Amino acid sequence: MHLQKIVGAEEIPEVFNLADNGNFQQDFAWGEFQKSIGREPLRYMVLNDNNEPALYIQLIAQSIAGKKYFYAPFGPVFSNILDLKEKRQVFNYFAVEFKKEQPKALFLRVETQENISDDERLSLLSNSHFKKTVDLSPHKTLILGLEKTSSEILAGMKPKTRYNIKVAEKSGIEVKILNEVPVDSDGLNPFDASADRAKVKTYTKEYFDSMLKYFSDPKGKIVARCYAAYHEGDLLAANIMIEYGQFEIYLFGGSFELKRAFMPSYALHWQAILDAKERNLKFYDFWGVETDEHHPWYGFSRFKFGFGGEIKERPGTLDYVYSPSWYNAYILLRKLNRFIRRR
């Protein structure tokens, strides 16, 4: 095997099927967007002894105390002809060779998008280098098939969801498609409003606007849109959507408390579903659900489950650790920072 650094999108073989899996975060154009906002993308491919592509990975460099870790959102991506044992071998080869190129690397943060069984997940974690960490990208998502008619999709929803879509329609909710994050008359945006209610952090308006502007015209296969719900001029809610390959992906959502009884969030999703069907897309990805009733995501997951679809499960976020002592210090510092933020 040997490692090859990738410098152009044309070097990524189709065998990795990024668009087929809706894996926009491993797309070359996503890395270029990250570069445009000051982050450092690195891309590599592992070729086997027959010079055939076996692994592709796009990593984003993150700095810690003069050193770095490297995050591969929904990466690496493997050739689908490899079995689990071969994937482990290929990844271990990559990890060793990458460390030679990046001697200051503390760890690799990976989260392959592939469905795997519980036994396979345990097999991955049996590698002494791997540590389970907090999931950065959702380890479960909900995929709604769009090849049915709109009537059939509605029939597959829960009765309450169908009812709320009708409430939104009768209330006169207007859905607009924008290339920037909308704000209300006080200059507030729905994403910050939702984050404040939930007492969680979210991306800044500047980050969202940069993404929407960068992908307003297709870069590769990625298109970004902001769907915003209004009623008589009042901004009520907004969603950020990514179109990639055959997928329409619900990336972020936010809403105000104002006129919640008019069900603006239902209107946003239903319009996005109809638009995706109009563009002949095959899948609508709700981007993160949780089935555990005690999980903080369960509330908005119930909202998503109402639209129907099937759950897809992934391994979650794993850290491949090079330096256990530095990694333990990093974990301690992260816990301390979270404790301080909660006070």
C-alpha atoms as a PDB file:
ATOM      1  CA  MET A   1       0.000   0.000   0.000  1.00  0.00           C
ATOM      2  CA  HIS A   2       1.029   3.606  -0.393  1.00  0.00           C
ATOM      3  CA  LEU A   3      -0.293   7.032   0.592  1.00  0.00           C
ATOM      4  CA  GLN A   4      -1.120   9.677  -1.990  1.00  0.00           C
ATOM      5  CA  LYS A   5      -1.847  13.309  -1.185  1.00  0.00           C
ATOM      6  CA  ILE A   6      -4.758  14.773  -3.156  1.00  0.00           C
ATOM      7  CA  VAL A   7      -4.562  18.348  -4.429  1.00  0.00           C
ATOM      8  CA  GLY A   8      -7.447  18.479  -6.916  1.00  0.00           C
ATOM      9  CA  ALA A   9     -11.048  17.300  -6.991  1.00  0.00           C
ATOM     10  CA  GLU A  10     -10.423  15.328 -10.188  1.00  0.00           C
ATOM     11  CA  GLU A  11      -8.065  13.033  -8.256  1.00  0.00           C
ATOM     12  CA  ILE A  12     -10.892  11.582  -6.106  1.00  0.00           C
ATOM     13  CA  PRO A  13     -12.035   8.338  -7.783  1.00  0.00           C
ATOM     14  CA  GLU A  14     -15.754   7.721  -8.276  1.00  0.00           C
ATOM     15  CA  VAL A  15     -15.318   4.402  -6.458  1.00  0.00           C
ATOM     16  CA  PHE A  16     -15.782   6.260  -3.167  1.00  0.00           C
ATOM     17  CA  ASN A  17     -19.379   7.253  -4.098  1.00  0.00           C
ATOM     18  CA  LEU A  18     -19.483  10.455  -2.024  1.00  0.00           C
ATOM     19  CA  ALA A  19     -22.535  11.858  -3.799  1.00  0.00           C
ATOM     20  CA  ASP A  20     -24.322   8.494  -3.728  1.00  0.00           C
ATOM     21  CA  ASN A  21     -24.119   8.549   0.072  1.00  0.00           C
ATOM     22  CA  GLY A  22     -24.885  12.243   0.533  1.00  0.00           C
ATOM     23  CA  ASN A  23     -21.432  12.652   2.087  1.00  0.00           C
ATOM     24  CA  PHE A  24     -20.900  16.343   1.300  1.00  0.00           C
ATOM     25  CA  GLN A  25     -18.468  16.886   4.200  1.00  0.00           C
ATOM     26  CA  GLN A  26     -15.884  14.700   2.462  1.00  0.00           C
ATOM     27  CA  ASP A  27     -16.401  16.482  -0.870  1.00  0.00           C
ATOM     28  CA  PHE A  28     -13.458  18.515  -2.160  1.00  0.00           C
ATOM     29  CA  ALA A  29     -15.638  21.644  -2.403  1.00  0.00           C
ATOM     30  CA  TRP A  30     -16.540  21.431   1.311  1.00  0.00           C
ATOM     31  CA  GLY A  31     -12.854  21.443   2.140  1.00  0.00           C
ATOM     32  CA  GLU A  32     -12.381  24.494  -0.085  1.00  0.00           C
ATOM     33  CA  PHE A  33     -15.182  26.258   1.805  1.00  0.00           C
ATOM     34  CA  GLN A  34     -13.409  25.427   5.067  1.00  0.00           C
ATOM     35  CA  LYS A  35     -10.243  26.930   3.599  1.00  0.00           C
ATOM     36  CA  SER A  36     -12.157  30.099   2.669  1.00  0.00           C
ATOM     37  CA  ILE A  37     -13.004  30.670   6.359  1.00  0.00           C
ATOM     38  CA  GLY A  38      -9.456  30.095   7.571  1.00  0.00           C
ATOM     39  CA  ARG A  39      -9.312  26.355   8.208  1.00  0.00           C
ATOM     40  CA  GLU A  40      -6.784  23.913   6.764  1.00  0.00           C
ATOM     41  CA  PRO A  41      -8.104  20.936   4.750  1.00  0.00           C
ATOM     42  CA  LEU A  42      -5.874  17.943   3.933  1.00  0.00           C
ATOM     43  CA  ARG A  43      -6.872  15.086   1.617  1.00  0.00           C
ATOM     44  CA  TYR A  44      -5.298  11.678   1.156  1.00  0.00           C
ATOM     45  CA  MET A  45      -5.933   8.414  -0.618  1.00  0.00           C
ATOM     46  CA  VAL A  46      -4.522   4.976   0.142  1.00  0.00           C
ATOM     47  CA  LEU A  47      -3.821   2.759  -2.860  1.00  0.00           C
ATOM     48  CA  ASN A  48      -3.445  -0.976  -2.399  1.00  0.00           C
ATOM     49  CA  ASP A  49      -0.658  -3.132  -3.814  1.00  0.00           C
ATOM     50  CA  ASN A  50      -2.521  -3.329  -7.144  1.00  0.00           C
ATOM     51  CA  ASN A  51      -2.638   0.486  -7.274  1.00  0.00           C
ATOM     52  CA  GLU A  52      -6.409   0.423  -6.660  1.00  0.00           C
ATOM     53  CA  PRO A  53      -8.068   3.047  -4.407  1.00  0.00           C
ATOM     54  CA  ALA A  54      -8.879   1.653  -0.965  1.00  0.00           C
ATOM     55  CA  LEU A  55      -9.418   4.700   1.293  1.00  0.00           C
ATOM     56  CA  TYR A  56     -10.120   8.405   0.859  1.00  0.00           C
ATOM     57  CA  ILE A  57     -10.137  10.957   3.658  1.00  0.00           C
ATOM     58  CA  GLN A  58     -10.495  14.727   3.980  1.00  0.00           C
ATOM     59  CA  LEU A  59      -9.324  16.152   7.301  1.00  0.00           C
ATOM     60  CA  ILE A  60      -9.624  19.619   8.813  1.00  0.00           C
ATOM     61  CA  ALA A  61      -6.708  20.693  11.025  1.00  0.00           C
ATOM     62  CA  GLN A  62      -7.525  21.934  14.546  1.00  0.00           C
ATOM     63  CA  SER A  63      -4.915  23.599  16.800  1.00  0.00           C
ATOM     64  CA  ILE A  64      -4.305  22.768  20.483  1.00  0.00           C
ATOM     65  CA  ALA A  65      -1.479  24.363  22.490  1.00  0.00           C
ATOM     66  CA  GLY A  66       0.954  24.472  19.575  1.00  0.00           C
ATOM     67  CA  LYS A  67       0.018  21.008  18.398  1.00  0.00           C
ATOM     68  CA  LYS A  68      -2.818  19.746  16.188  1.00  0.00           C
ATOM     69  CA  TYR A  69      -5.518  17.193  15.850  1.00  0.00           C
ATOM     70  CA  PHE A  70      -7.233  16.403  12.560  1.00  0.00           C
ATOM     71  CA  TYR A  71     -10.969  15.934  12.135  1.00  0.00           C
ATOM     72  CA  ALA A  72     -12.515  13.967   9.271  1.00  0.00           C
ATOM     73  CA  PRO A  73     -16.272  14.699   9.320  1.00  0.00           C
ATOM     74  CA  PHE A  74     -17.960  11.522   8.075  1.00  0.00           C
ATOM     75  CA  GLY A  75     -14.612  10.177   6.977  1.00  0.00           C
ATOM     76  CA  PRO A  76     -12.740   8.122   6.044  1.00  0.00           C
ATOM     77  CA  VAL A  77     -14.532   6.648   3.043  1.00  0.00           C
ATOM     78  CA  PHE A  78     -13.573   3.108   2.005  1.00  0.00           C
ATOM     79  CA  SER A  79     -13.851   1.236  -1.246  1.00  0.00           C
ATOM     80  CA  ASN A  80     -17.004  -0.866  -0.971  1.00  0.00           C
ATOM     81  CA  ILE A  81     -15.169  -4.025  -2.025  1.00  0.00           C
ATOM     82  CA  LEU A  82     -13.275  -4.145   1.301  1.00  0.00           C
ATOM     83  CA  ASP A  83     -14.453  -6.260   4.221  1.00  0.00           C
ATOM     84  CA  LEU A  84     -14.168  -5.056   7.829  1.00  0.00           C
ATOM     85  CA  LYS A  85     -10.748  -6.665   8.395  1.00  0.00           C
ATOM     86  CA  GLU A  86      -9.363  -5.038   5.254  1.00  0.00           C
ATOM     87  CA  LYS A  87     -10.798  -1.645   6.264  1.00  0.00           C
ATOM     88  CA  ARG A  88      -9.041  -1.878   9.619  1.00  0.00           C
ATOM     89  CA  GLN A  89      -5.762  -2.755   7.914  1.00  0.00           C
ATOM     90  CA  VAL A  90      -6.055   0.091   5.410  1.00  0.00           C
ATOM     91  CA  PHE A  91      -6.962   2.639   8.085  1.00  0.00           C
ATOM     92  CA  ASN A  92      -4.142   1.528  10.395  1.00  0.00           C
ATOM     93  CA  TYR A  93      -1.714   1.931   7.485  1.00  0.00           C
ATOM     94  CA  PHE A  94      -3.053   5.415   6.829  1.00  0.00           C
ATOM     95  CA  ALA A  95      -2.824   6.401  10.506  1.00  0.00           C
ATOM     96  CA  VAL A  96       0.840   5.352  10.721  1.00  0.00           C
ATOM     97  CA  GLU A  97       1.836   7.057   7.469  1.00  0.00           C
ATOM     98  CA  PHE A  98      -0.103  10.220   8.322  1.00  0.00           C
ATOM     99  CA  LYS A  99       1.762  10.558  11.613  1.00  0.00           C
ATOM    100  CA  LYS A 100       5.026  10.557   9.661  1.00  0.00           C
ATOM    101  CA  GLU A 101       3.771  13.522   7.643  1.00  0.00           C
ATOM    102  CA  GLN A 102       2.251  15.300  10.635  1.00  0.00           C
ATOM    103  CA  PRO A 103       4.535  14.567  13.629  1.00  0.00           C
ATOM    104  CA  LYS A 104       2.687  17.126  15.813  1.00  0.00           C
ATOM    105  CA  ALA A 105      -0.642  15.336  15.396  1.00  0.00           C
ATOM    106  CA  LEU A 106      -2.133  14.353  18.767  1.00  0.00           C
ATOM    107  CA  PHE A 107      -5.012  12.333  17.376  1.00  0.00           C
ATOM    108  CA  LEU A 108      -7.288  11.743  14.392  1.00  0.00           C
ATOM    109  CA  ARG A 109     -11.021  12.326  14.853  1.00  0.00           C
ATOM    110  CA  VAL A 110     -13.001  10.123  12.483  1.00  0.00           C
ATOM    111  CA  GLU A 111     -16.645   9.127  11.986  1.00  0.00           C
ATOM    112  CA  THR A 112     -17.148   6.960   8.923  1.00  0.00           C
ATOM    113  CA  GLN A 113     -20.650   7.297   7.496  1.00  0.00           C
ATOM    114  CA  GLU A 114     -21.154   3.625   6.759  1.00  0.00           C
ATOM    115  CA  ASN A 115     -23.823   1.503   8.445  1.00  0.00           C
ATOM    116  CA  ILE A 116     -22.150  -1.058  10.704  1.00  0.00           C
ATOM    117  CA  SER A 117     -23.415  -3.672  13.097  1.00  0.00           C
ATOM    118  CA  ASP A 118     -22.925  -3.616  16.879  1.00  0.00           C
ATOM    119  CA  ASP A 119     -20.294  -6.365  16.531  1.00  0.00           C
ATOM    120  CA  GLU A 120     -18.388  -4.307  13.959  1.00  0.00           C
ATOM    121  CA  ARG A 121     -18.558  -1.240  16.206  1.00  0.00           C
ATOM    122  CA  LEU A 122     -17.091  -3.241  19.097  1.00  0.00           C
ATOM    123  CA  SER A 123     -14.431  -4.551  16.754  1.00  0.00           C
ATOM    124  CA  LEU A 124     -13.419  -1.002  15.866  1.00  0.00           C
ATOM    125  CA  LEU A 125     -13.278   0.019  19.506  1.00  0.00           C
ATOM    126  CA  SER A 126     -11.156  -3.015  20.381  1.00  0.00           C
ATOM    127  CA  ASN A 127      -8.256  -1.234  18.688  1.00  0.00           C
ATOM    128  CA  SER A 128      -6.294   0.230  21.591  1.00  0.00           C
ATOM    129  CA  HIS A 129      -5.709   3.485  19.689  1.00  0.00           C
ATOM    130  CA  PHE A 130      -9.437   4.259  19.415  1.00  0.00           C
ATOM    131  CA  LYS A 131     -11.335   6.190  22.086  1.00  0.00           C
ATOM    132  CA  LYS A 132     -15.051   6.957  21.894  1.00  0.00           C
ATOM    133  CA  THR A 133     -15.720  10.682  22.141  1.00  0.00           C
ATOM    134  CA  VAL A 134     -18.722  13.007  22.048  1.00  0.00           C
ATOM    135  CA  ASP A 135     -20.464  12.729  18.676  1.00  0.00           C
ATOM    136  CA  LEU A 136     -19.843  15.823  16.545  1.00  0.00           C
ATOM    137  CA  SER A 137     -21.907  14.633  13.614  1.00  0.00           C
ATOM    138  CA  PRO A 138     -25.087  12.650  14.301  1.00  0.00           C
ATOM    139  CA  HIS A 139     -24.546   8.901  14.707  1.00  0.00           C
ATOM    140  CA  LYS A 140     -28.190   8.284  13.792  1.00  0.00           C
ATOM    141  CA  THR A 141     -30.178  10.012  11.117  1.00  0.00           C
ATOM    142  CA  LEU A 142     -33.615   9.732   9.531  1.00  0.00           C
ATOM    143  CA  ILE A 143     -33.846   9.244   5.766  1.00  0.00           C
ATOM    144  CA  LEU A 144     -37.138   9.874   3.955  1.00  0.00           C
ATOM    145  CA  GLY A 145     -37.464   8.374   0.466  1.00  0.00           C
ATOM    146  CA  LEU A 146     -38.747  10.847  -2.130  1.00  0.00           C
ATOM    147  CA  GLU A 147     -39.570   8.519  -5.010  1.00  0.00           C
ATOM    148  CA  LYS A 148     -43.173   8.136  -3.833  1.00  0.00           C
ATOM    149  CA  THR A 149     -45.858  10.645  -4.776  1.00  0.00           C
ATOM    150  CA  SER A 150     -46.437  13.598  -2.459  1.00  0.00           C
ATOM    151  CA  SER A 151     -49.751  12.011  -1.437  1.00  0.00           C
ATOM    152  CA  GLU A 152     -47.980   8.767  -0.543  1.00  0.00           C
ATOM    153  CA  ILE A 153     -45.359  10.669   1.469  1.00  0.00           C
ATOM    154  CA  LEU A 154     -48.116  12.471   3.369  1.00  0.00           C
ATOM    155  CA  ALA A 155     -49.882   9.158   4.009  1.00  0.00           C
ATOM    156  CA  GLY A 156     -46.668   7.785   5.542  1.00  0.00           C
ATOM    157  CA  MET A 157     -46.491  10.610   8.084  1.00  0.00           C
ATOM    158  CA  LYS A 158     -47.987  10.520  11.545  1.00  0.00           C
ATOM    159  CA  PRO A 159     -51.495  12.027  11.711  1.00  0.00           C
ATOM    160  CA  LYS A 160     -50.349  14.934  13.895  1.00  0.00           C
ATOM    161  CA  THR A 161     -47.666  15.888  11.358  1.00  0.00           C
ATOM    162  CA  ARG A 162     -50.161  15.845   8.469  1.00  0.00           C
ATOM    163  CA  TYR A 163     -52.534  17.943  10.565  1.00  0.00           C
ATOM    164  CA  ASN A 164     -49.843  20.489  11.424  1.00  0.00           C
ATOM    165  CA  ILE A 165     -48.862  20.851   7.768  1.00  0.00           C
ATOM    166  CA  LYS A 166     -52.498  21.700   7.019  1.00  0.00           C
ATOM    167  CA  VAL A 167     -52.557  24.174   9.925  1.00  0.00           C
ATOM    168  CA  ALA A 168     -49.527  25.939   8.432  1.00  0.00           C
ATOM    169  CA  GLU A 169     -51.177  26.073   5.016  1.00  0.00           C
ATOM    170  CA  LYS A 170     -54.464  27.445   6.395  1.00  0.00           C
ATOM    171  CA  SER A 171     -52.616  29.985   8.542  1.00  0.00           C
ATOM    172  CA  GLY A 172     -51.040  31.496   5.449  1.00  0.00           C
ATOM    173  CA  ILE A 173     -47.399  30.695   6.206  1.00  0.00           C
ATOM    174  CA  GLU A 174     -45.205  31.980   3.385  1.00  0.00           C
ATOM    175  CA  VAL A 175     -41.922  30.165   2.667  1.00  0.00           C
ATOM    176  CA  LYS A 176     -39.079  32.067   1.019  1.00  0.00           C
ATOM    177  CA  ILE A 177     -35.731  30.749  -0.217  1.00  0.00           C
ATOM    178  CA  LEU A 178     -32.806  33.027   0.670  1.00  0.00           C
ATOM    179  CA  ASN A 179     -29.031  33.089   0.301  1.00  0.00           C
ATOM    180  CA  GLU A 180     -28.420  34.615   3.735  1.00  0.00           C
ATOM    181  CA  VAL A 181     -29.730  34.153   7.263  1.00  0.00           C
ATOM    182  CA  PRO A 182     -32.841  36.303   7.833  1.00  0.00           C
ATOM    183  CA  VAL A 183     -33.260  38.515  10.893  1.00  0.00           C
ATOM    184  CA  ASP A 184     -36.333  39.984  12.555  1.00  0.00           C
ATOM    185  CA  SER A 185     -37.049  43.672  13.185  1.00  0.00           C
ATOM    186  CA  ASP A 186     -34.731  43.574  16.222  1.00  0.00           C
ATOM    187  CA  GLY A 187     -31.846  42.073  14.232  1.00  0.00           C
ATOM    188  CA  LEU A 188     -32.213  38.614  15.810  1.00  0.00           C
ATOM    189  CA  ASN A 189     -32.066  35.380  13.817  1.00  0.00           C
ATOM    190  CA  PRO A 190     -33.988  32.128  14.434  1.00  0.00           C
ATOM    191  CA  PHE A 191     -30.875  29.983  14.931  1.00  0.00           C
ATOM    192  CA  ASP A 192     -29.612  32.080  17.830  1.00  0.00           C
ATOM    193  CA  ALA A 193     -33.133  32.196  19.295  1.00  0.00           C
ATOM    194  CA  SER A 194     -33.404  28.387  19.366  1.00  0.00           C
ATOM    195  CA  ALA A 195     -29.877  27.984  20.752  1.00  0.00           C
ATOM    196  CA  ASP A 196     -30.611  30.472  23.532  1.00  0.00           C
ATOM    197  CA  ARG A 197     -33.776  28.587  24.538  1.00  0.00           C
ATOM    198  CA  ALA A 198     -31.942  25.270  24.581  1.00  0.00           C
ATOM    199  CA  LYS A 199     -28.873  26.798  26.282  1.00  0.00           C
ATOM    200  CA  VAL A 200     -26.530  25.365  23.669  1.00  0.00           C
ATOM    201  CA  LYS A 201     -23.958  26.863  21.336  1.00  0.00           C
ATOM    202  CA  THR A 202     -24.547  27.234  17.609  1.00  0.00           C
ATOM    203  CA  TYR A 203     -22.616  28.599  14.658  1.00  0.00           C
ATOM    204  CA  THR A 204     -22.566  32.342  14.163  1.00  0.00           C
ATOM    205  CA  LYS A 205     -24.679  34.149  11.596  1.00  0.00           C
ATOM    206  CA  GLU A 206     -21.408  35.029   9.855  1.00  0.00           C
ATOM    207  CA  TYR A 207     -20.568  31.331   9.456  1.00  0.00           C
ATOM    208  CA  PHE A 208     -24.009  30.497   8.082  1.00  0.00           C
ATOM    209  CA  ASP A 209     -23.928  33.479   5.705  1.00  0.00           C
ATOM    210  CA  SER A 210     -20.461  32.490   4.472  1.00  0.00           C
ATOM    211  CA  MET A 211     -21.680  28.964   3.729  1.00  0.00           C
ATOM    212  CA  LEU A 212     -24.843  30.170   1.988  1.00  0.00           C
ATOM    213  CA  LYS A 213     -22.888  32.649  -0.105  1.00  0.00           C
ATOM    214  CA  TYR A 214     -20.137  30.178  -0.993  1.00  0.00           C
ATOM    215  CA  PHE A 215     -22.612  27.503  -2.115  1.00  0.00           C
ATOM    216  CA  SER A 216     -25.282  29.798  -3.570  1.00  0.00           C
ATOM    217  CA  ASP A 217     -23.935  28.749  -6.963  1.00  0.00           C
ATOM    218  CA  PRO A 218     -23.111  25.035  -7.131  1.00  0.00           C
ATOM    219  CA  LYS A 219     -19.543  24.205  -6.123  1.00  0.00           C
ATOM    220  CA  GLY A 220     -19.121  20.676  -7.396  1.00  0.00           C
ATOM    221  CA  LYS A 221     -22.326  18.956  -6.322  1.00  0.00           C
ATOM    222  CA  ILE A 222     -23.075  21.127  -3.244  1.00  0.00           C
ATOM    223  CA  VAL A 223     -25.825  23.763  -3.138  1.00  0.00           C
ATOM    224  CA  ALA A 224     -26.893  25.574   0.061  1.00  0.00           C
ATOM    225  CA  ARG A 225     -30.228  27.317   0.615  1.00  0.00           C
ATOM    226  CA  CYS A 226     -31.956  28.997   3.539  1.00  0.00           C
ATOM    227  CA  TYR A 227     -35.693  28.341   3.810  1.00  0.00           C
ATOM    228  CA  ALA A 228     -37.469  30.999   5.878  1.00  0.00           C
ATOM    229  CA  ALA A 229     -41.090  30.995   7.125  1.00  0.00           C
ATOM    230  CA  TYR A 230     -43.031  34.264   7.396  1.00  0.00           C
ATOM    231  CA  HIS A 231     -46.522  35.259   8.431  1.00  0.00           C
ATOM    232  CA  GLU A 232     -47.789  38.726   7.517  1.00  0.00           C
ATOM    233  CA  GLY A 233     -44.222  39.977   7.401  1.00  0.00           C
ATOM    234  CA  ASP A 234     -43.140  38.383  10.686  1.00  0.00           C
ATOM    235  CA  LEU A 235     -40.115  36.081  10.504  1.00  0.00           C
ATOM    236  CA  LEU A 236     -40.974  32.872  12.393  1.00  0.00           C
ATOM    237  CA  ALA A 237     -38.464  30.140  11.537  1.00  0.00           C
ATOM    238  CA  ALA A 238     -35.652  29.152   9.170  1.00  0.00           C
ATOM    239  CA  ASN A 239     -33.844  26.020   7.982  1.00  0.00           C
ATOM    240  CA  ILE A 240     -30.502  25.679   6.229  1.00  0.00           C
ATOM    241  CA  MET A 241     -30.588  22.980   3.577  1.00  0.00           C
ATOM    242  CA  ILE A 242     -27.799  21.322   1.592  1.00  0.00           C
ATOM    243  CA  GLU A 243     -28.442  19.655  -1.751  1.00  0.00           C
ATOM    244  CA  TYR A 244     -25.807  17.064  -2.589  1.00  0.00           C
ATOM    245  CA  GLY A 245     -26.063  14.286  -5.145  1.00  0.00           C
ATOM    246  CA  GLN A 246     -29.496  12.717  -4.714  1.00  0.00           C
ATOM    247  CA  PHE A 247     -29.913  14.079  -1.176  1.00  0.00           C
ATOM    248  CA  GLU A 248     -31.652  17.095   0.312  1.00  0.00           C
ATOM    249  CA  ILE A 249     -30.108  17.502   3.785  1.00  0.00           C
ATOM    250  CA  TYR A 250     -31.608  19.456   6.689  1.00  0.00           C
ATOM    251  CA  LEU A 251     -28.483  20.867   8.272  1.00  0.00           C
ATOM    252  CA  PHE A 252     -29.690  23.476  10.788  1.00  0.00           C
ATOM    253  CA  GLY A 253     -33.026  24.811  12.009  1.00  0.00           C
ATOM    254  CA  GLY A 254     -34.185  27.613  14.251  1.00  0.00           C
ATOM    255  CA  SER A 255     -37.384  29.363  15.267  1.00  0.00           C
ATOM    256  CA  PHE A 256     -38.837  32.135  17.393  1.00  0.00           C
ATOM    257  CA  GLU A 257     -41.600  31.672  19.944  1.00  0.00           C
ATOM    258  CA  LEU A 258     -43.748  34.084  17.926  1.00  0.00           C
ATOM    259  CA  LYS A 259     -46.845  32.464  16.332  1.00  0.00           C
ATOM    260  CA  ARG A 260     -45.650  28.920  17.002  1.00  0.00           C
ATOM    261  CA  ALA A 261     -49.278  27.743  16.820  1.00  0.00           C
ATOM    262  CA  PHE A 262     -49.130  28.429  13.055  1.00  0.00           C
ATOM    263  CA  MET A 263     -46.640  25.544  12.705  1.00  0.00           C
ATOM    264  CA  PRO A 264     -43.999  27.312  10.584  1.00  0.00           C
ATOM    265  CA  SER A 265     -41.393  24.554  11.013  1.00  0.00           C
ATOM    266  CA  TYR A 266     -43.769  22.026   9.447  1.00  0.00           C
ATOM    267  CA  ALA A 267     -44.301  24.359   6.505  1.00  0.00           C
ATOM    268  CA  LEU A 268     -40.540  24.675   5.982  1.00  0.00           C
ATOM    269  CA  HIS A 269     -39.943  20.935   5.805  1.00  0.00           C
ATOM    270  CA  TRP A 270     -42.957  20.203   3.641  1.00  0.00           C
ATOM    271  CA  GLN A 271     -41.935  22.884   1.132  1.00  0.00           C
ATOM    272  CA  ALA A 272     -38.348  21.606   1.099  1.00  0.00           C
ATOM    273  CA  ILE A 273     -39.623  18.048   0.507  1.00  0.00           C
ATOM    274  CA  LEU A 274     -41.802  19.199  -2.392  1.00  0.00           C
ATOM    275  CA  ASP A 275     -38.937  21.209  -3.899  1.00  0.00           C
ATOM    276  CA  ALA A 276     -36.540  18.263  -3.574  1.00  0.00           C
ATOM    277  CA  LYS A 277     -39.045  16.050  -5.393  1.00  0.00           C
ATOM    278  CA  GLU A 278     -39.359  18.721  -8.088  1.00  0.00           C
ATOM    279  CA  ARG A 279     -35.579  18.526  -8.565  1.00  0.00           C
ATOM    280  CA  ASN A 280     -35.857  14.703  -8.818  1.00  0.00           C
ATOM    281  CA  LEU A 281     -33.847  14.047  -5.667  1.00  0.00           C
ATOM    282  CA  LYS A 282     -34.292  10.631  -4.050  1.00  0.00           C
ATOM    283  CA  PHE A 283     -33.673  11.208  -0.333  1.00  0.00           C
ATOM    284  CA  TYR A 284     -34.462  13.738   2.388  1.00  0.00           C
ATOM    285  CA  ASP A 285     -31.982  13.497   5.266  1.00  0.00           C
ATOM    286  CA  PHE A 286     -33.212  14.935   8.587  1.00  0.00           C
ATOM    287  CA  TRP A 287     -29.588  14.975   9.836  1.00  0.00           C
ATOM    288  CA  GLY A 288     -29.619  13.602  13.320  1.00  0.00           C
ATOM    289  CA  VAL A 289     -32.153  11.832  15.518  1.00  0.00           C
ATOM    290  CA  GLU A 290     -32.071  10.114  18.884  1.00  0.00           C
ATOM    291  CA  THR A 291     -34.352   7.284  20.007  1.00  0.00           C
ATOM    292  CA  ASP A 292     -33.366   7.408  23.692  1.00  0.00           C
ATOM    293  CA  GLU A 293     -36.154   9.270  25.525  1.00  0.00           C
ATOM    294  CA  HIS A 294     -33.625  10.633  28.048  1.00  0.00           C
ATOM    295  CA  HIS A 295     -31.338  12.111  25.397  1.00  0.00           C
ATOM    296  CA  PRO A 296     -31.467  15.926  25.000  1.00  0.00           C
ATOM    297  CA  TRP A 297     -32.094  15.461  21.255  1.00  0.00           C
ATOM    298  CA  TYR A 298     -35.202  13.336  21.789  1.00  0.00           C
ATOM    299  CA  GLY A 299     -37.632  16.277  21.731  1.00  0.00           C
ATOM    300  CA  PHE A 300     -36.768  17.497  18.253  1.00  0.00           C
ATOM    301  CA  SER A 301     -36.257  13.892  17.126  1.00  0.00           C
ATOM    302  CA  ARG A 302     -39.936  13.206  17.833  1.00  0.00           C
ATOM    303  CA  PHE A 303     -40.755  16.144  15.566  1.00  0.00           C
ATOM    304  CA  LYS A 304     -38.670  14.569  12.778  1.00  0.00           C
ATOM    305  CA  PHE A 305     -40.083  11.069  13.286  1.00  0.00           C
ATOM    306  CA  GLY A 306     -43.508  12.466  12.465  1.00  0.00           C
ATOM    307  CA  PHE A 307     -42.481  12.830   8.809  1.00  0.00           C
ATOM    308  CA  GLY A 308     -41.795   9.097   8.390  1.00  0.00           C
ATOM    309  CA  GLY A 309     -38.620   7.597   6.963  1.00  0.00           C
ATOM    310  CA  GLU A 310     -36.049   5.065   8.152  1.00  0.00           C
ATOM    311  CA  ILE A 311     -33.297   5.402  10.744  1.00  0.00           C
ATOM    312  CA  LYS A 312     -29.706   4.960   9.581  1.00  0.00           C
ATOM    313  CA  GLU A 313     -27.072   4.318  12.237  1.00  0.00           C
ATOM    314  CA  ARG A 314     -23.362   5.111  12.069  1.00  0.00           C
ATOM    315  CA  PRO A 315     -20.404   4.369  14.373  1.00  0.00           C
ATOM    316  CA  GLY A 316     -20.313   7.876  15.820  1.00  0.00           C
ATOM    317  CA  THR A 317     -17.212   9.970  16.467  1.00  0.00           C
ATOM    318  CA  LEU A 318     -14.008   8.134  17.391  1.00  0.00           C
ATOM    319  CA  ASP A 319     -10.550   9.467  18.262  1.00  0.00           C
ATOM    320  CA  TYR A 320      -7.496   7.569  17.050  1.00  0.00           C
ATOM    321  CA  VAL A 321      -4.956   8.587  19.677  1.00  0.00           C
ATOM    322  CA  TYR A 322      -1.231   9.024  18.994  1.00  0.00           C
ATOM    323  CA  SER A 323      -0.254  10.571  22.322  1.00  0.00           C
ATOM    324  CA  PRO A 324      -2.260   9.232  25.316  1.00  0.00           C
ATOM    325  CA  SER A 325      -0.749  11.704  27.812  1.00  0.00           C
ATOM    326  CA  TRP A 326      -1.559  14.738  25.648  1.00  0.00           C
ATOM    327  CA  TYR A 327      -4.967  13.300  24.841  1.00  0.00           C
ATOM    328  CA  ASN A 328      -5.812  12.841  28.531  1.00  0.00           C
ATOM    329  CA  ALA A 329      -4.804  16.449  29.171  1.00  0.00           C
ATOM    330  CA  TYR A 330      -7.020  17.562  26.286  1.00  0.00           C
ATOM    331  CA  ILE A 331     -10.001  15.610  27.683  1.00  0.00           C
ATOM    332  CA  LEU A 332      -9.458  17.152  31.125  1.00  0.00           C
ATOM    333  CA  LEU A 333      -9.293  20.658  29.650  1.00  0.00           C
ATOM    334  CA  ARG A 334     -12.456  20.040  27.607  1.00  0.00           C
ATOM    335  CA  LYS A 335     -14.354  18.918  30.710  1.00  0.00           C
ATOM    336  CA  LEU A 336     -13.128  21.979  32.599  1.00  0.00           C
ATOM    337  CA  ASN A 337     -14.281  24.313  29.819  1.00  0.00           C
ATOM    338  CA  ARG A 338     -17.738  22.705  29.774  1.00  0.00           C
ATOM    339  CA  PHE A 339     -18.010  23.028  33.541  1.00  0.00           C
ATOM    340  CA  ILE A 340     -17.111  26.730  33.350  1.00  0.00           C
ATOM    341  CA  ARG A 341     -19.683  27.338  30.568  1.00  0.00           C
ATOM    342  CA  ARG A 342     -22.447  25.756  32.645  1.00  0.00           C
ATOM    343  CA  ARG A 343     -21.816  28.033  35.647  1.00  0.00           C
END
